[in-house]
Amino acid sequence: MLKRQIIEIARQLRKEQTSSEKKLWQVLRNRKFLGLKFLRQHPIVFEIDGRLRFFVADFYCAEKKLVLEVDGKIHKHQLERDKERDLIIEKLGLKVLRIKNEELDNIDDVLQRIKNFIDDL
């Protein structure tokens, strides 16, 4: 897939953010959280069997090599796919933290969980 196509997919996903992603983004954007720069709907490109592949991380912090994934109900039906994706993330030297949509009902708890996760890196 061409770089331009990957970028366009990420742009489209930014336009179609879920309400949970929007809620978290309001707290993460512009270095509001711990002074860290987070990107939303950020493409992660990797190679498997000589072929370039990619996925789009909900949120990515390069400074901490951290991927945040906000999981809706659909993720209950794709646990194996998410597990494979998490393994790829880890092989790339990144860490992943999954947050369920319903957890964002208490944003302060989620932010504390993210902070604790970062502190443990």
PDB file of N, CA and C in Angstrom:
ATOM      1  N   MET A   1       0.850  -1.177   0.000  1.00  0.00           N
ATOM      2  CA  MET A   1       0.000   0.000   0.000  1.00  0.00           C
ATOM      3  C   MET A   1       0.894   1.238   0.000  1.00  0.00           C
ATOM      4  N   LEU A   2       0.518   2.192  -0.759  1.00  0.00           N
ATOM      5  CA  LEU A   2       1.313   3.404  -0.864  1.00  0.00           C
ATOM      6  C   LEU A   2       1.174   4.274   0.375  1.00  0.00           C
ATOM      7  N   LYS A   3       2.253   5.005   0.650  1.00  0.00           N
ATOM      8  CA  LYS A   3       2.266   5.888   1.810  1.00  0.00           C
ATOM      9  C   LYS A   3       1.078   6.853   1.777  1.00  0.00           C
ATOM     10  N   ARG A   4       0.768   7.372   0.614  1.00  0.00           N
ATOM     11  CA  ARG A   4      -0.331   8.328   0.462  1.00  0.00           C
ATOM     12  C   ARG A   4      -1.670   7.694   0.874  1.00  0.00           C
ATOM     13  N   GLN A   5      -1.861   6.437   0.504  1.00  0.00           N
ATOM     14  CA  GLN A   5      -3.102   5.739   0.862  1.00  0.00           C
ATOM     15  C   GLN A   5      -3.198   5.526   2.370  1.00  0.00           C
ATOM     16  N   ILE A   6      -2.086   5.181   2.990  1.00  0.00           N
ATOM     17  CA  ILE A   6      -2.061   4.983   4.438  1.00  0.00           C
ATOM     18  C   ILE A   6      -2.419   6.282   5.149  1.00  0.00           C
ATOM     19  N   ILE A   7      -1.829   7.373   4.687  1.00  0.00           N
ATOM     20  CA  ILE A   7      -2.103   8.681   5.282  1.00  0.00           C
ATOM     21  C   ILE A   7      -3.577   9.040   5.117  1.00  0.00           C
ATOM     22  N   GLU A   8      -4.145   8.741   3.969  1.00  0.00           N
ATOM     23  CA  GLU A   8      -5.553   9.066   3.726  1.00  0.00           C
ATOM     24  C   GLU A   8      -6.476   8.238   4.625  1.00  0.00           C
ATOM     25  N   ILE A   9      -6.135   6.990   4.843  1.00  0.00           N
ATOM     26  CA  ILE A   9      -6.929   6.147   5.746  1.00  0.00           C
ATOM     27  C   ILE A   9      -6.894   6.720   7.156  1.00  0.00           C
ATOM     28  N   ALA A  10      -5.713   7.118   7.617  1.00  0.00           N
ATOM     29  CA  ALA A  10      -5.578   7.704   8.955  1.00  0.00           C
ATOM     30  C   ALA A  10      -6.378   9.008   9.058  1.00  0.00           C
ATOM     31  N   ARG A  11      -6.335   9.827   8.019  1.00  0.00           N
ATOM     32  CA  ARG A  11      -7.109  11.078   8.016  1.00  0.00           C
ATOM     33  C   ARG A  11      -8.601  10.791   8.140  1.00  0.00           C
ATOM     34  N   GLN A  12      -9.058   9.799   7.392  1.00  0.00           N
ATOM     35  CA  GLN A  12     -10.475   9.449   7.427  1.00  0.00           C
ATOM     36  C   GLN A  12     -10.874   8.966   8.821  1.00  0.00           C
ATOM     37  N   LEU A  13     -10.017   8.167   9.443  1.00  0.00           N
ATOM     38  CA  LEU A  13     -10.305   7.687  10.791  1.00  0.00           C
ATOM     39  C   LEU A  13     -10.356   8.841  11.791  1.00  0.00           C
ATOM     40  N   ARG A  14      -9.530   9.850  11.598  1.00  0.00           N
ATOM     41  CA  ARG A  14      -9.569  11.021  12.483  1.00  0.00           C
ATOM     42  C   ARG A  14     -10.918  11.726  12.379  1.00  0.00           C
ATOM     43  N   LYS A  15     -11.459  11.769  11.171  1.00  0.00           N
ATOM     44  CA  LYS A  15     -12.758  12.414  10.966  1.00  0.00           C
ATOM     45  C   LYS A  15     -13.896  11.599  11.584  1.00  0.00           C
ATOM     46  N   GLU A  16     -13.683  10.291  11.722  1.00  0.00           N
ATOM     47  CA  GLU A  16     -14.736   9.392  12.190  1.00  0.00           C
ATOM     48  C   GLU A  16     -14.487   8.877  13.603  1.00  0.00           C
ATOM     49  N   GLN A  17     -13.789   9.648  14.419  1.00  0.00           N
ATOM     50  CA  GLN A  17     -13.484   9.208  15.772  1.00  0.00           C
ATOM     51  C   GLN A  17     -14.760   8.880  16.545  1.00  0.00           C
ATOM     52  N   THR A  18     -14.662   7.881  17.409  1.00  0.00           N
ATOM     53  CA  THR A  18     -15.785   7.551  18.277  1.00  0.00           C
ATOM     54  C   THR A  18     -15.897   8.608  19.369  1.00  0.00           C
ATOM     55  N   SER A  19     -17.027   8.651  20.040  1.00  0.00           N
ATOM     56  CA  SER A  19     -17.191   9.629  21.122  1.00  0.00           C
ATOM     57  C   SER A  19     -16.180   9.368  22.242  1.00  0.00           C
ATOM     58  N   SER A  20     -15.862   8.109  22.498  1.00  0.00           N
ATOM     59  CA  SER A  20     -14.862   7.777  23.523  1.00  0.00           C
ATOM     60  C   SER A  20     -13.481   8.278  23.125  1.00  0.00           C
ATOM     61  N   GLU A  21     -13.123   8.086  21.858  1.00  0.00           N
ATOM     62  CA  GLU A  21     -11.830   8.583  21.379  1.00  0.00           C
ATOM     63  C   GLU A  21     -11.778  10.108  21.458  1.00  0.00           C
ATOM     64  N   LYS A  22     -12.872  10.761  21.108  1.00  0.00           N
ATOM     65  CA  LYS A  22     -12.919  12.228  21.186  1.00  0.00           C
ATOM     66  C   LYS A  22     -12.721  12.696  22.623  1.00  0.00           C
ATOM     67  N   LYS A  23     -13.358  12.000  23.544  1.00  0.00           N
ATOM     68  CA  LYS A  23     -13.271  12.376  24.959  1.00  0.00           C
ATOM     69  C   LYS A  23     -11.822  12.274  25.453  1.00  0.00           C
ATOM     70  N   LEU A  24     -11.154  11.181  25.116  1.00  0.00           N
ATOM     71  CA  LEU A  24      -9.768  11.008  25.533  1.00  0.00           C
ATOM     72  C   LEU A  24      -8.860  12.003  24.808  1.00  0.00           C
ATOM     73  N   TRP A  25      -9.127  12.244  23.544  1.00  0.00           N
ATOM     74  CA  TRP A  25      -8.296  13.166  22.761  1.00  0.00           C
ATOM     75  C   TRP A  25      -8.318  14.576  23.355  1.00  0.00           C
ATOM     76  N   GLN A  26      -9.440  15.001  23.873  1.00  0.00           N
ATOM     77  CA  GLN A  26      -9.522  16.339  24.464  1.00  0.00           C
ATOM     78  C   GLN A  26      -8.541  16.504  25.628  1.00  0.00           C
ATOM     79  N   VAL A  27      -8.236  15.412  26.306  1.00  0.00           N
ATOM     80  CA  VAL A  27      -7.316  15.458  27.451  1.00  0.00           C
ATOM     81  C   VAL A  27      -5.866  15.265  27.011  1.00  0.00           C
ATOM     82  N   LEU A  28      -5.653  14.497  25.943  1.00  0.00           N
ATOM     83  CA  LEU A  28      -4.291  14.179  25.503  1.00  0.00           C
ATOM     84  C   LEU A  28      -3.685  15.235  24.581  1.00  0.00           C
ATOM     85  N   ARG A  29      -4.505  15.943  23.845  1.00  0.00           N
ATOM     86  CA  ARG A  29      -3.997  16.837  22.792  1.00  0.00           C
ATOM     87  C   ARG A  29      -3.220  18.025  23.359  1.00  0.00           C
ATOM     88  N   ASN A  30      -2.366  18.546  22.513  1.00  0.00           N
ATOM     89  CA  ASN A  30      -1.572  19.749  22.835  1.00  0.00           C
ATOM     90  C   ASN A  30      -0.742  19.608  24.111  1.00  0.00           C
ATOM     91  N   ARG A  31      -0.233  18.420  24.338  1.00  0.00           N
ATOM     92  CA  ARG A  31       0.625  18.159  25.506  1.00  0.00           C
ATOM     93  C   ARG A  31      -0.054  18.468  26.845  1.00  0.00           C
ATOM     94  N   LYS A  32      -1.374  18.352  26.892  1.00  0.00           N
ATOM     95  CA  LYS A  32      -2.115  18.637  28.127  1.00  0.00           C
ATOM     96  C   LYS A  32      -1.884  17.579  29.200  1.00  0.00           C
ATOM     97  N   PHE A  33      -1.534  16.376  28.791  1.00  0.00           N
ATOM     98  CA  PHE A  33      -1.374  15.271  29.736  1.00  0.00           C
ATOM     99  C   PHE A  33       0.107  14.972  29.932  1.00  0.00           C
ATOM    100  N   LEU A  34       0.613  15.288  31.105  1.00  0.00           N
ATOM    101  CA  LEU A  34       1.997  15.021  31.496  1.00  0.00           C
ATOM    102  C   LEU A  34       3.024  15.680  30.575  1.00  0.00           C
ATOM    103  N   GLY A  35       2.590  16.656  29.794  1.00  0.00           N
ATOM    104  CA  GLY A  35       3.496  17.340  28.878  1.00  0.00           C
ATOM    105  C   GLY A  35       3.931  16.479  27.699  1.00  0.00           C
ATOM    106  N   LEU A  36       3.239  15.354  27.476  1.00  0.00           N
ATOM    107  CA  LEU A  36       3.616  14.421  26.414  1.00  0.00           C
ATOM    108  C   LEU A  36       2.858  14.705  25.125  1.00  0.00           C
ATOM    109  N   LYS A  37       3.527  14.502  24.008  1.00  0.00           N
ATOM    110  CA  LYS A  37       2.908  14.694  22.693  1.00  0.00           C
ATOM    111  C   LYS A  37       2.267  13.390  22.255  1.00  0.00           C
ATOM    112  N   PHE A  38       0.961  13.410  22.097  1.00  0.00           N
ATOM    113  CA  PHE A  38       0.218  12.263  21.577  1.00  0.00           C
ATOM    114  C   PHE A  38      -0.291  12.593  20.184  1.00  0.00           C
ATOM    115  N   LEU A  39      -0.270  11.617  19.326  1.00  0.00           N
ATOM    116  CA  LEU A  39      -0.857  11.716  17.992  1.00  0.00           C
ATOM    117  C   LEU A  39      -2.083  10.819  17.971  1.00  0.00           C
ATOM    118  N   ARG A  40      -3.095  11.194  17.223  1.00  0.00           N
ATOM    119  CA  ARG A  40      -4.287  10.344  17.143  1.00  0.00           C
ATOM    120  C   ARG A  40      -4.377   9.717  15.765  1.00  0.00           C
ATOM    121  N   GLN A  41      -4.913   8.521  15.745  1.00  0.00           N
ATOM    122  CA  GLN A  41      -5.068   7.761  14.504  1.00  0.00           C
ATOM    123  C   GLN A  41      -3.755   7.788  13.716  1.00  0.00           C
ATOM    124  N   HIS A  42      -2.725   7.283  14.375  1.00  0.00           N
ATOM    125  CA  HIS A  42      -1.362   7.328  13.829  1.00  0.00           C
ATOM    126  C   HIS A  42      -0.998   5.981  13.189  1.00  0.00           C
ATOM    127  N   PRO A  43      -0.599   5.990  11.911  1.00  0.00           N
ATOM    128  CA  PRO A  43      -0.215   4.737  11.248  1.00  0.00           C
ATOM    129  C   PRO A  43       1.091   4.170  11.819  1.00  0.00           C
ATOM    130  N   ILE A  44       1.084   2.883  12.074  1.00  0.00           N
ATOM    131  CA  ILE A  44       2.272   2.141  12.481  1.00  0.00           C
ATOM    132  C   ILE A  44       2.566   1.172  11.336  1.00  0.00           C
ATOM    133  N   VAL A  45       3.687   1.375  10.665  1.00  0.00           N
ATOM    134  CA  VAL A  45       4.052   0.571   9.494  1.00  0.00           C
ATOM    135  C   VAL A  45       5.119  -0.429   9.909  1.00  0.00           C
ATOM    136  N   PHE A  46       4.974  -1.679   9.435  1.00  0.00           N
ATOM    137  CA  PHE A  46       5.925  -2.727   9.763  1.00  0.00           C
ATOM    138  C   PHE A  46       6.001  -3.700   8.589  1.00  0.00           C
ATOM    139  N   GLU A  47       6.971  -4.605   8.658  1.00  0.00           N
ATOM    140  CA  GLU A  47       7.184  -5.555   7.573  1.00  0.00           C
ATOM    141  C   GLU A  47       7.014  -6.981   8.085  1.00  0.00           C
ATOM    142  N   ILE A  48       6.262  -7.766   7.340  1.00  0.00           N
ATOM    143  CA  ILE A  48       6.110  -9.196   7.627  1.00  0.00           C
ATOM    144  C   ILE A  48       6.270  -9.935   6.308  1.00  0.00           C
ATOM    145  N   ASP A  49       7.121 -10.937   6.311  1.00  0.00           N
ATOM    146  CA  ASP A  49       7.371 -11.747   5.110  1.00  0.00           C
ATOM    147  C   ASP A  49       7.718 -10.886   3.893  1.00  0.00           C
ATOM    148  N   GLY A  50       8.506  -9.843   4.130  1.00  0.00           N
ATOM    149  CA  GLY A  50       8.959  -8.999   3.039  1.00  0.00           C
ATOM    150  C   GLY A  50       7.908  -8.031   2.511  1.00  0.00           C
ATOM    151  N   ARG A  51       6.750  -7.997   3.156  1.00  0.00           N
ATOM    152  CA  ARG A  51       5.675  -7.100   2.701  1.00  0.00           C
ATOM    153  C   ARG A  51       5.391  -6.058   3.770  1.00  0.00           C
ATOM    154  N   LEU A  52       5.210  -4.827   3.316  1.00  0.00           N
ATOM    155  CA  LEU A  52       4.850  -3.765   4.249  1.00  0.00           C
ATOM    156  C   LEU A  52       3.392  -3.907   4.664  1.00  0.00           C
ATOM    157  N   ARG A  53       3.163  -3.786   5.934  1.00  0.00           N
ATOM    158  CA  ARG A  53       1.813  -3.832   6.505  1.00  0.00           C
ATOM    159  C   ARG A  53       1.665  -2.614   7.406  1.00  0.00           C
ATOM    160  N   PHE A  54       0.450  -2.355   7.819  1.00  0.00           N
ATOM    161  CA  PHE A  54       0.253  -1.246   8.746  1.00  0.00           C
ATOM    162  C   PHE A  54      -1.038  -1.451   9.526  1.00  0.00           C
ATOM    163  N   PHE A  55      -1.112  -0.753  10.619  1.00  0.00           N
ATOM    164  CA  PHE A  55      -2.370  -0.578  11.322  1.00  0.00           C
ATOM    165  C   PHE A  55      -2.359   0.840  11.861  1.00  0.00           C
ATOM    166  N   VAL A  56      -3.511   1.304  12.269  1.00  0.00           N
ATOM    167  CA  VAL A  56      -3.625   2.674  12.759  1.00  0.00           C
ATOM    168  C   VAL A  56      -3.910   2.623  14.254  1.00  0.00           C
ATOM    169  N   ALA A  57      -2.974   3.159  15.028  1.00  0.00           N
ATOM    170  CA  ALA A  57      -3.126   3.211  16.483  1.00  0.00           C
ATOM    171  C   ALA A  57      -4.072   4.358  16.831  1.00  0.00           C
ATOM    172  N   ASP A  58      -4.956   4.128  17.790  1.00  0.00           N
ATOM    173  CA  ASP A  58      -5.870   5.198  18.205  1.00  0.00           C
ATOM    174  C   ASP A  58      -5.077   6.413  18.678  1.00  0.00           C
ATOM    175  N   PHE A  59      -4.095   6.174  19.560  1.00  0.00           N
ATOM    176  CA  PHE A  59      -3.237   7.251  20.067  1.00  0.00           C
ATOM    177  C   PHE A  59      -1.816   6.707  20.176  1.00  0.00           C
ATOM    178  N   TYR A  60      -0.840   7.573  19.881  1.00  0.00           N
ATOM    179  CA  TYR A  60       0.557   7.156  19.911  1.00  0.00           C
ATOM    180  C   TYR A  60       1.407   8.265  20.514  1.00  0.00           C
ATOM    181  N   CYS A  61       2.281   7.879  21.440  1.00  0.00           N
ATOM    182  CA  CYS A  61       3.235   8.802  22.045  1.00  0.00           C
ATOM    183  C   CYS A  61       4.636   8.279  21.749  1.00  0.00           C
ATOM    184  N   ALA A  62       5.340   8.946  20.837  1.00  0.00           N
ATOM    185  CA  ALA A  62       6.684   8.514  20.450  1.00  0.00           C
ATOM    186  C   ALA A  62       7.665   8.632  21.607  1.00  0.00           C
ATOM    187  N   GLU A  63       7.504   9.673  22.433  1.00  0.00           N
ATOM    188  CA  GLU A  63       8.427   9.896  23.552  1.00  0.00           C
ATOM    189  C   GLU A  63       8.468   8.707  24.504  1.00  0.00           C
ATOM    190  N   LYS A  64       7.340   8.061  24.688  1.00  0.00           N
ATOM    191  CA  LYS A  64       7.242   6.920  25.602  1.00  0.00           C
ATOM    192  C   LYS A  64       7.082   5.594  24.864  1.00  0.00           C
ATOM    193  N   LYS A  65       7.096   5.656  23.526  1.00  0.00           N
ATOM    194  CA  LYS A  65       6.889   4.456  22.706  1.00  0.00           C
ATOM    195  C   LYS A  65       5.635   3.716  23.156  1.00  0.00           C
ATOM    196  N   LEU A  66       4.556   4.486  23.255  1.00  0.00           N
ATOM    197  CA  LEU A  66       3.312   3.999  23.826  1.00  0.00           C
ATOM    198  C   LEU A  66       2.166   4.105  22.825  1.00  0.00           C
ATOM    199  N   VAL A  67       1.422   3.019  22.704  1.00  0.00           N
ATOM    200  CA  VAL A  67       0.208   2.974  21.905  1.00  0.00           C
ATOM    201  C   VAL A  67      -0.966   2.829  22.867  1.00  0.00           C
ATOM    202  N   LEU A  68      -1.942   3.718  22.740  1.00  0.00           N
ATOM    203  CA  LEU A  68      -3.177   3.607  23.507  1.00  0.00           C
ATOM    204  C   LEU A  68      -4.283   3.179  22.547  1.00  0.00           C
ATOM    205  N   GLU A  69      -4.984   2.128  22.901  1.00  0.00           N
ATOM    206  CA  GLU A  69      -6.092   1.645  22.089  1.00  0.00           C
ATOM    207  C   GLU A  69      -7.379   1.760  22.886  1.00  0.00           C
ATOM    208  N   VAL A  70      -8.384   2.391  22.302  1.00  0.00           N
ATOM    209  CA  VAL A  70      -9.694   2.508  22.922  1.00  0.00           C
ATOM    210  C   VAL A  70     -10.576   1.443  22.286  1.00  0.00           C
ATOM    211  N   ASP A  71     -10.986   0.478  23.099  1.00  0.00           N
ATOM    212  CA  ASP A  71     -11.713  -0.685  22.599  1.00  0.00           C
ATOM    213  C   ASP A  71     -13.206  -0.575  22.842  1.00  0.00           C
ATOM    214  N   GLY A  72     -13.955  -0.610  21.759  1.00  0.00           N
ATOM    215  CA  GLY A  72     -15.407  -0.657  21.828  1.00  0.00           C
ATOM    216  C   GLY A  72     -15.886  -2.097  21.898  1.00  0.00           C
ATOM    217  N   LYS A  73     -17.192  -2.279  21.788  1.00  0.00           N
ATOM    218  CA  LYS A  73     -17.796  -3.612  21.912  1.00  0.00           C
ATOM    219  C   LYS A  73     -17.298  -4.588  20.854  1.00  0.00           C
ATOM    220  N   ILE A  74     -16.943  -4.091  19.677  1.00  0.00           N
ATOM    221  CA  ILE A  74     -16.490  -4.970  18.599  1.00  0.00           C
ATOM    222  C   ILE A  74     -15.243  -5.756  18.997  1.00  0.00           C
ATOM    223  N   HIS A  75     -14.466  -5.197  19.890  1.00  0.00           N
ATOM    224  CA  HIS A  75     -13.218  -5.859  20.282  1.00  0.00           C
ATOM    225  C   HIS A  75     -13.466  -7.159  21.054  1.00  0.00           C
ATOM    226  N   LYS A  76     -14.661  -7.315  21.597  1.00  0.00           N
ATOM    227  CA  LYS A  76     -15.014  -8.580  22.261  1.00  0.00           C
ATOM    228  C   LYS A  76     -15.027  -9.731  21.257  1.00  0.00           C
ATOM    229  N   HIS A  77     -15.247  -9.401  19.978  1.00  0.00           N
ATOM    230  CA  HIS A  77     -15.344 -10.403  18.924  1.00  0.00           C
ATOM    231  C   HIS A  77     -14.059 -10.548  18.115  1.00  0.00           C
ATOM    232  N   GLN A  78     -13.056  -9.789  18.456  1.00  0.00           N
ATOM    233  CA  GLN A  78     -11.786  -9.864  17.713  1.00  0.00           C
ATOM    234  C   GLN A  78     -10.599  -9.936  18.668  1.00  0.00           C
ATOM    235  N   LEU A  79     -10.769 -10.680  19.742  1.00  0.00           N
ATOM    236  CA  LEU A  79      -9.718 -10.797  20.753  1.00  0.00           C
ATOM    237  C   LEU A  79      -8.431 -11.361  20.175  1.00  0.00           C
ATOM    238  N   GLU A  80      -8.553 -12.361  19.321  1.00  0.00           N
ATOM    239  CA  GLU A  80      -7.364 -12.989  18.729  1.00  0.00           C
ATOM    240  C   GLU A  80      -6.623 -11.994  17.837  1.00  0.00           C
ATOM    241  N   ARG A  81      -7.368 -11.238  17.054  1.00  0.00           N
ATOM    242  CA  ARG A  81      -6.765 -10.227  16.178  1.00  0.00           C
ATOM    243  C   ARG A  81      -6.043  -9.161  17.013  1.00  0.00           C
ATOM    244  N   ASP A  82      -6.684  -8.729  18.086  1.00  0.00           N
ATOM    245  CA  ASP A  82      -6.065  -7.724  18.957  1.00  0.00           C
ATOM    246  C   ASP A  82      -4.805  -8.275  19.615  1.00  0.00           C
ATOM    247  N   LYS A  83      -4.826  -9.546  19.989  1.00  0.00           N
ATOM    248  CA  LYS A  83      -3.664 -10.168  20.621  1.00  0.00           C
ATOM    249  C   LYS A  83      -2.483 -10.206  19.638  1.00  0.00           C
ATOM    250  N   GLU A  84      -2.762 -10.557  18.384  1.00  0.00           N
ATOM    251  CA  GLU A  84      -1.719 -10.580  17.354  1.00  0.00           C
ATOM    252  C   GLU A  84      -1.155  -9.176  17.126  1.00  0.00           C
ATOM    253  N   ARG A  85      -2.032  -8.222  17.097  1.00  0.00           N
ATOM    254  CA  ARG A  85      -1.620  -6.827  16.899  1.00  0.00           C
ATOM    255  C   ARG A  85      -0.748  -6.352  18.061  1.00  0.00           C
ATOM    256  N   ASP A  86      -1.128  -6.712  19.277  1.00  0.00           N
ATOM    257  CA  ASP A  86      -0.329  -6.343  20.452  1.00  0.00           C
ATOM    258  C   ASP A  86       1.058  -6.966  20.392  1.00  0.00           C
ATOM    259  N   LEU A  87       1.150  -8.199  19.897  1.00  0.00           N
ATOM    260  CA  LEU A  87       2.455  -8.857  19.759  1.00  0.00           C
ATOM    261  C   LEU A  87       3.334  -8.117  18.748  1.00  0.00           C
ATOM    262  N   ILE A  88       2.733  -7.694  17.654  1.00  0.00           N
ATOM    263  CA  ILE A  88       3.476  -6.928  16.646  1.00  0.00           C
ATOM    264  C   ILE A  88       3.962  -5.615  17.251  1.00  0.00           C
ATOM    265  N   ILE A  89       3.081  -4.952  17.984  1.00  0.00           N
ATOM    266  CA  ILE A  89       3.448  -3.688  18.634  1.00  0.00           C
ATOM    267  C   ILE A  89       4.668  -3.899  19.527  1.00  0.00           C
ATOM    268  N   GLU A  90       4.623  -4.959  20.326  1.00  0.00           N
ATOM    269  CA  GLU A  90       5.730  -5.232  21.249  1.00  0.00           C
ATOM    270  C   GLU A  90       7.015  -5.585  20.507  1.00  0.00           C
ATOM    271  N   LYS A  91       6.903  -6.311  19.392  1.00  0.00           N
ATOM    272  CA  LYS A  91       8.089  -6.647  18.595  1.00  0.00           C
ATOM    273  C   LYS A  91       8.729  -5.396  18.003  1.00  0.00           C
ATOM    274  N   LEU A  92       7.928  -4.358  17.811  1.00  0.00           N
ATOM    275  CA  LEU A  92       8.439  -3.087  17.294  1.00  0.00           C
ATOM    276  C   LEU A  92       9.048  -2.226  18.397  1.00  0.00           C
ATOM    277  N   GLY A  93       9.057  -2.757  19.621  1.00  0.00           N
ATOM    278  CA  GLY A  93       9.647  -2.032  20.738  1.00  0.00           C
ATOM    279  C   GLY A  93       8.697  -1.031  21.379  1.00  0.00           C
ATOM    280  N   LEU A  94       7.407  -1.192  21.104  1.00  0.00           N
ATOM    281  CA  LEU A  94       6.393  -0.297  21.656  1.00  0.00           C
ATOM    282  C   LEU A  94       5.614  -1.030  22.738  1.00  0.00           C
ATOM    283  N   LYS A  95       4.940  -0.269  23.569  1.00  0.00           N
ATOM    284  CA  LYS A  95       4.054  -0.828  24.589  1.00  0.00           C
ATOM    285  C   LYS A  95       2.629  -0.423  24.248  1.00  0.00           C
ATOM    286  N   VAL A  96       1.683  -1.277  24.605  1.00  0.00           N
ATOM    287  CA  VAL A  96       0.282  -0.982  24.318  1.00  0.00           C
ATOM    288  C   VAL A  96      -0.535  -1.045  25.604  1.00  0.00           C
ATOM    289  N   LEU A  97      -1.454  -0.105  25.716  1.00  0.00           N
ATOM    290  CA  LEU A  97      -2.406  -0.084  26.819  1.00  0.00           C
ATOM    291  C   LEU A  97      -3.792   0.005  26.207  1.00  0.00           C
ATOM    292  N   ARG A  98      -4.614  -0.981  26.537  1.00  0.00           N
ATOM    293  CA  ARG A  98      -5.989  -1.017  26.021  1.00  0.00           C
ATOM    294  C   ARG A  98      -6.941  -0.457  27.067  1.00  0.00           C
ATOM    295  N   ILE A  99      -7.831   0.391  26.595  1.00  0.00           N
ATOM    296  CA  ILE A  99      -8.819   1.043  27.450  1.00  0.00           C
ATOM    297  C   ILE A  99     -10.195   0.757  26.859  1.00  0.00           C
ATOM    298  N   LYS A 100     -11.098   0.269  27.676  1.00  0.00           N
ATOM    299  CA  LYS A 100     -12.452  -0.008  27.202  1.00  0.00           C
ATOM    300  C   LYS A 100     -13.257   1.289  27.174  1.00  0.00           C
ATOM    301  N   ASN A 101     -14.136   1.383  26.194  1.00  0.00           N
ATOM    302  CA  ASN A 101     -14.985   2.577  26.073  1.00  0.00           C
ATOM    303  C   ASN A 101     -15.637   2.957  27.391  1.00  0.00           C
ATOM    304  N   GLU A 102     -16.214   1.976  28.068  1.00  0.00           N
ATOM    305  CA  GLU A 102     -16.966   2.266  29.296  1.00  0.00           C
ATOM    306  C   GLU A 102     -16.067   2.789  30.414  1.00  0.00           C
ATOM    307  N   GLU A 103     -14.781   2.473  30.358  1.00  0.00           N
ATOM    308  CA  GLU A 103     -13.853   2.992  31.362  1.00  0.00           C
ATOM    309  C   GLU A 103     -13.747   4.514  31.277  1.00  0.00           C
ATOM    310  N   LEU A 104     -13.962   5.053  30.087  1.00  0.00           N
ATOM    311  CA  LEU A 104     -13.839   6.498  29.890  1.00  0.00           C
ATOM    312  C   LEU A 104     -14.986   7.274  30.522  1.00  0.00           C
ATOM    313  N   ASP A 105     -15.961   6.576  31.098  1.00  0.00           N
ATOM    314  CA  ASP A 105     -17.004   7.256  31.862  1.00  0.00           C
ATOM    315  C   ASP A 105     -16.374   7.943  33.077  1.00  0.00           C
ATOM    316  N   ASN A 106     -15.245   7.381  33.540  1.00  0.00           N
ATOM    317  CA  ASN A 106     -14.498   8.012  34.629  1.00  0.00           C
ATOM    318  C   ASN A 106     -13.099   8.343  34.096  1.00  0.00           C
ATOM    319  N   ILE A 107     -13.014   9.469  33.418  1.00  0.00           N
ATOM    320  CA  ILE A 107     -11.776   9.871  32.740  1.00  0.00           C
ATOM    321  C   ILE A 107     -10.610  10.011  33.719  1.00  0.00           C
ATOM    322  N   ASP A 108     -10.890  10.449  34.943  1.00  0.00           N
ATOM    323  CA  ASP A 108      -9.808  10.614  35.921  1.00  0.00           C
ATOM    324  C   ASP A 108      -9.141   9.282  36.246  1.00  0.00           C
ATOM    325  N   ASP A 109      -9.940   8.224  36.374  1.00  0.00           N
ATOM    326  CA  ASP A 109      -9.377   6.887  36.623  1.00  0.00           C
ATOM    327  C   ASP A 109      -8.533   6.425  35.440  1.00  0.00           C
ATOM    328  N   VAL A 110      -9.012   6.696  34.241  1.00  0.00           N
ATOM    329  CA  VAL A 110      -8.274   6.303  33.033  1.00  0.00           C
ATOM    330  C   VAL A 110      -6.943   7.043  32.967  1.00  0.00           C
ATOM    331  N   LEU A 111      -6.969   8.329  33.238  1.00  0.00           N
ATOM    332  CA  LEU A 111      -5.730   9.111  33.199  1.00  0.00           C
ATOM    333  C   LEU A 111      -4.741   8.629  34.253  1.00  0.00           C
ATOM    334  N   GLN A 112      -5.240   8.265  35.420  1.00  0.00           N
ATOM    335  CA  GLN A 112      -4.356   7.724  36.458  1.00  0.00           C
ATOM    336  C   GLN A 112      -3.763   6.391  36.008  1.00  0.00           C
ATOM    337  N   ARG A 113      -4.589   5.581  35.365  1.00  0.00           N
ATOM    338  CA  ARG A 113      -4.111   4.287  34.850  1.00  0.00           C
ATOM    339  C   ARG A 113      -3.029   4.488  33.785  1.00  0.00           C
ATOM    340  N   ILE A 114      -3.234   5.447  32.898  1.00  0.00           N
ATOM    341  CA  ILE A 114      -2.229   5.749  31.872  1.00  0.00           C
ATOM    342  C   ILE A 114      -0.943   6.239  32.529  1.00  0.00           C
ATOM    343  N   LYS A 115      -1.072   7.146  33.493  1.00  0.00           N
ATOM    344  CA  LYS A 115       0.095   7.678  34.208  1.00  0.00           C
ATOM    345  C   LYS A 115       0.863   6.552  34.894  1.00  0.00           C
ATOM    346  N   ASN A 116       0.149   5.658  35.586  1.00  0.00           N
ATOM    347  CA  ASN A 116       0.803   4.523  36.265  1.00  0.00           C
ATOM    348  C   ASN A 116       1.510   3.629  35.246  1.00  0.00           C
ATOM    349  N   PHE A 117       0.884   3.403  34.111  1.00  0.00           N
ATOM    350  CA  PHE A 117       1.475   2.568  33.069  1.00  0.00           C
ATOM    351  C   PHE A 117       2.771   3.203  32.567  1.00  0.00           C
ATOM    352  N   ILE A 118       2.726   4.507  32.322  1.00  0.00           N
ATOM    353  CA  ILE A 118       3.911   5.232  31.860  1.00  0.00           C
ATOM    354  C   ILE A 118       5.013   5.198  32.918  1.00  0.00           C
ATOM    355  N   ASP A 119       4.639   5.396  34.165  1.00  0.00           N
ATOM    356  CA  ASP A 119       5.610   5.366  35.260  1.00  0.00           C
ATOM    357  C   ASP A 119       6.325   4.014  35.346  1.00  0.00           C
ATOM    358  N   ASP A 120       5.632   2.947  34.968  1.00  0.00           N
ATOM    359  CA  ASP A 120       6.203   1.606  35.034  1.00  0.00           C
ATOM    360  C   ASP A 120       7.058   1.248  33.819  1.00  0.00           C
ATOM    361  N   LEU A 121       7.048   2.119  32.794  1.00  0.00           N
ATOM    362  CA  LEU A 121       7.828   1.806  31.570  1.00  0.00           C
ATOM    363  C   LEU A 121       9.321   1.878  31.841  1.00  0.00           C
TER     364      LEU A 121
END
